Amino acid sequence: MSDPSRSLPAGPVELHALLAERAIERALLRYARGIDRMDRDLAASAFHPDARITLGGTVAERDATLDMVFALVARRTMTMHYLTNILVELDPTDPDRARAETYGIALQRSTSEPPRGNIISGFRYVDLVTRRAGEWRVQERLTVSEWQRVDDLAGQWPIPEASLRGARDASDPISRPWPPGGPAAEAGPDPDSDPGRPHE
């Protein structure tokens, strides 16, 4: 038998939690996209300006950390950050504070620094996230290293020349404007509405 409480509409507390969790997740994802697309402003928007970040053996404020990170990824030909398990815990004593633990995997490739420049690493972000002026951003970050391995050049399958490739600037496909009909227009006509299409 199903639990009837599951069909009840969310109350103010539950709605606040859902909205806060989603806003925090979006901040984390902005950082990942910002790094991979080399968009510093987007990456910075995940943090409050005075945020403190622990990365490797360094503890620094946001801008100094981004200086270091972007200098590193500029030496790579590609980076891709996967953010997977994201667990947000709201502070029961303060509606403007939360803790987020995020599991991640990062791929980095380089043509100038093999093999050390070609790595796959597992990590976690342990973040204190706060809301200021209605906006959730990271206030303090601990970057926790879990594992790392070399992505051997010999094992990398070449991307066919005809394939659409990612770019680390505004030429990337994500930067294309939506078509005049909105995002749905990109999908083209509904095949089920095509009278010439045979039906199964």
Protein backbone atom coordinates (compact mmCIF):
# COMPACT_ATOMS: atom_id res chain seq x y z
CA MET A 1 0.00 0.00 0.00
CA SER A 2 1.34 3.45 -0.88
CA ASP A 3 2.00 6.04 1.77
CA PRO A 4 -0.75 8.69 1.45
CA SER A 5 1.57 11.35 2.89
CA ARG A 6 3.70 11.12 -0.23
CA SER A 7 0.88 12.61 -2.30
CA LEU A 8 0.42 15.63 -0.05
CA PRO A 9 1.66 19.00 -1.37
CA ALA A 10 4.90 20.28 0.06
CA GLY A 11 4.58 22.71 2.94
CA PRO A 12 6.59 25.91 3.41
CA VAL A 13 9.47 24.12 5.16
CA GLU A 14 9.72 21.38 2.54
CA LEU A 15 9.45 23.91 -0.28
CA HIS A 16 12.21 26.03 1.25
CA ALA A 17 14.44 22.94 1.47
CA LEU A 18 13.79 21.95 -2.14
CA LEU A 19 14.47 25.44 -3.46
CA ALA A 20 17.62 25.80 -1.35
CA GLU A 21 18.98 22.43 -2.45
CA ARG A 22 18.37 23.22 -6.11
CA ALA A 23 20.00 26.65 -5.84
CA ILE A 24 23.04 25.13 -4.14
CA GLU A 25 23.34 22.39 -6.77
CA ARG A 26 23.20 25.02 -9.53
CA ALA A 27 26.02 26.97 -7.89
CA LEU A 28 28.17 23.84 -7.82
CA LEU A 29 27.39 23.11 -11.47
CA ARG A 30 28.25 26.68 -12.49
CA TYR A 31 31.74 26.12 -11.12
CA ALA A 32 32.18 22.90 -13.09
CA ARG A 33 31.03 24.47 -16.34
CA GLY A 34 33.10 27.58 -15.71
CA ILE A 35 36.28 25.55 -15.30
CA ASP A 36 35.67 23.32 -18.32
CA ARG A 37 34.69 26.20 -20.60
CA MET A 38 37.40 28.51 -19.21
CA ASP A 39 34.76 31.00 -18.10
CA ARG A 40 36.24 32.58 -15.00
CA ASP A 41 33.24 34.78 -14.19
CA LEU A 42 30.92 31.77 -14.26
CA ALA A 43 33.24 29.76 -12.02
CA ALA A 44 33.55 32.69 -9.60
CA SER A 45 29.76 33.00 -9.37
CA ALA A 46 29.65 29.76 -7.37
CA PHE A 47 31.43 31.48 -4.45
CA HIS A 48 30.93 34.54 -2.30
CA PRO A 49 33.71 37.09 -3.01
CA ASP A 50 35.33 36.44 0.38
CA ALA A 51 35.06 32.65 0.20
CA ARG A 52 38.01 30.61 1.44
CA ILE A 53 39.04 27.48 -0.45
CA THR A 54 41.36 24.66 0.58
CA LEU A 55 42.92 23.05 -2.49
CA GLY A 56 45.94 20.80 -2.27
CA GLY A 57 48.17 22.30 0.39
CA THR A 58 46.87 25.84 -0.13
CA VAL A 59 44.20 27.80 1.70
CA ALA A 60 43.27 31.01 -0.09
CA GLU A 61 40.43 33.34 -0.93
CA ARG A 62 38.33 32.87 -4.04
CA ASP A 63 40.23 35.06 -6.50
CA ALA A 64 43.66 33.74 -5.55
CA THR A 65 42.40 30.17 -5.86
CA LEU A 66 40.88 30.86 -9.28
CA ASP A 67 44.17 32.42 -10.41
CA MET A 68 45.91 29.16 -9.55
CA VAL A 69 43.22 26.89 -11.01
CA PHE A 70 42.91 28.74 -14.31
CA ALA A 71 46.70 28.87 -14.74
CA LEU A 72 46.72 25.10 -14.33
CA VAL A 73 43.83 24.27 -16.65
CA ALA A 74 45.19 26.65 -19.30
CA ARG A 75 48.03 24.15 -19.73
CA ARG A 76 45.51 21.43 -20.57
CA THR A 77 43.83 20.80 -23.90
CA MET A 78 40.63 19.62 -22.20
CA THR A 79 39.08 19.25 -18.78
CA MET A 80 35.79 17.64 -17.87
CA HIS A 81 34.35 17.67 -14.36
CA TYR A 82 31.58 15.26 -13.41
CA LEU A 83 29.70 16.14 -10.24
CA THR A 84 27.77 13.09 -9.08
CA ASN A 85 26.46 12.51 -5.55
CA ILE A 86 25.40 15.87 -4.10
CA LEU A 87 24.07 15.76 -0.56
CA VAL A 88 22.84 19.08 0.85
CA GLU A 89 22.15 19.37 4.58
CA LEU A 90 20.40 22.53 5.69
CA ASP A 91 21.34 23.95 9.09
CA PRO A 92 18.25 23.48 11.32
CA THR A 93 19.28 26.48 13.40
CA ASP A 94 19.97 28.90 10.55
CA PRO A 95 17.86 29.05 7.34
CA ASP A 96 20.73 30.75 5.51
CA ARG A 97 23.36 28.04 6.07
CA ALA A 98 23.90 24.58 4.63
CA ARG A 99 26.59 21.98 4.13
CA ALA A 100 27.05 20.22 0.80
CA GLU A 101 29.13 17.13 0.12
CA THR A 102 29.77 16.52 -3.58
CA TYR A 103 31.50 13.54 -5.17
CA GLY A 104 33.34 14.25 -8.41
CA ILE A 105 35.54 12.84 -11.14
CA ALA A 106 37.76 15.07 -13.28
CA LEU A 107 39.50 14.29 -16.56
CA GLN A 108 42.41 16.42 -17.72
CA ARG A 109 44.36 16.06 -20.93
CA SER A 110 47.50 17.74 -22.18
CA THR A 111 49.68 17.38 -25.24
CA SER A 112 52.67 19.15 -23.65
CA GLU A 113 52.99 17.31 -20.34
CA PRO A 114 52.46 13.57 -20.85
CA PRO A 115 51.96 11.48 -18.93
CA ARG A 116 51.44 13.58 -15.78
CA GLY A 117 49.25 16.06 -17.61
CA ASN A 118 46.80 13.32 -18.58
CA ILE A 119 45.02 12.31 -15.39
CA ILE A 120 41.71 11.11 -14.07
CA SER A 121 41.05 11.93 -10.43
CA GLY A 122 38.35 11.30 -7.86
CA PHE A 123 37.59 13.98 -5.30
CA ARG A 124 34.99 15.41 -2.96
CA TYR A 125 33.97 18.98 -2.27
CA VAL A 126 32.91 19.62 1.34
CA ASP A 127 31.29 23.04 1.25
CA LEU A 128 29.81 25.44 3.74
CA VAL A 129 27.18 27.28 1.71
CA THR A 130 25.44 30.46 2.83
CA ARG A 131 22.66 32.61 1.46
CA ARG A 132 23.21 36.34 1.14
CA ALA A 133 20.70 38.72 -0.42
CA GLY A 134 18.66 35.68 -1.46
CA GLU A 135 21.53 33.94 -3.29
CA TRP A 136 23.20 30.70 -2.22
CA ARG A 137 26.97 30.50 -2.79
CA VAL A 138 29.90 28.61 -1.32
CA GLN A 139 31.46 30.32 1.70
CA GLU A 140 34.12 27.74 2.56
CA ARG A 141 35.36 24.79 0.50
CA LEU A 142 37.50 21.82 1.41
CA THR A 143 38.70 19.89 -1.66
CA VAL A 144 39.32 16.29 -0.61
CA SER A 145 41.46 14.07 -2.87
CA GLU A 146 40.39 10.42 -3.07
CA TRP A 147 42.32 8.83 -5.95
CA GLN A 148 44.24 9.65 -9.10
CA ARG A 149 45.53 7.77 -12.12
CA VAL A 150 47.28 8.50 -15.41
CA ASP A 151 45.10 8.53 -18.52
CA ASP A 152 47.63 6.80 -20.81
CA LEU A 153 47.92 8.48 -24.20
CA ALA A 154 48.13 5.09 -25.88
CA GLY A 155 44.67 4.24 -24.59
CA GLN A 156 42.94 7.41 -25.77
CA TRP A 157 40.68 6.75 -28.75
CA PRO A 158 40.92 9.55 -31.34
CA ILE A 159 37.80 11.63 -31.94
CA PRO A 160 36.68 11.46 -35.59
CA GLU A 161 37.31 14.68 -37.47
CA ALA A 162 33.64 14.91 -38.48
CA SER A 163 32.46 14.91 -34.86
CA LEU A 164 31.22 18.04 -33.15
CA ARG A 165 33.88 18.96 -30.62
CA GLY A 166 33.82 20.85 -27.38
CA ALA A 167 35.61 24.17 -27.09
CA ARG A 168 36.92 26.09 -24.11
CA ASP A 169 35.49 29.45 -25.15
CA ALA A 170 32.30 30.99 -26.55
CA SER A 171 32.51 28.82 -29.68
CA ASP A 172 31.38 25.79 -27.67
CA PRO A 173 27.90 24.50 -28.64
CA ILE A 174 26.51 25.43 -25.20
CA SER A 175 27.03 29.10 -26.12
CA ARG A 176 24.82 28.93 -29.19
CA PRO A 177 21.63 30.98 -28.89
CA TRP A 178 18.35 29.13 -28.78
CA PRO A 179 16.54 29.07 -32.13
CA PRO A 180 13.67 31.54 -32.66
CA GLY A 181 11.12 28.95 -31.58
CA GLY A 182 12.86 28.33 -28.27
CA PRO A 183 14.87 25.31 -27.13
CA ALA A 184 12.22 22.84 -28.30
CA ALA A 185 12.73 23.95 -31.89
CA GLU A 186 16.21 22.43 -31.86
CA ALA A 187 14.67 18.97 -31.71
CA GLY A 188 12.95 19.43 -35.07
CA PRO A 189 9.44 18.22 -35.89
CA ASP A 190 7.77 15.51 -33.86
CA PRO A 191 8.23 12.30 -35.87
CA ASP A 192 4.85 11.04 -34.67
CA SER A 193 3.19 14.05 -36.30
CA ASP A 194 4.70 13.33 -39.73
CA PRO A 195 1.92 11.90 -41.90
CA GLY A 196 4.49 10.32 -44.21
CA ARG A 197 6.16 8.39 -41.41
CA PRO A 198 5.16 4.72 -41.28
CA HIS A 199 3.66 3.63 -37.97
CA GLU A 200 4.72 0.49 -36.15
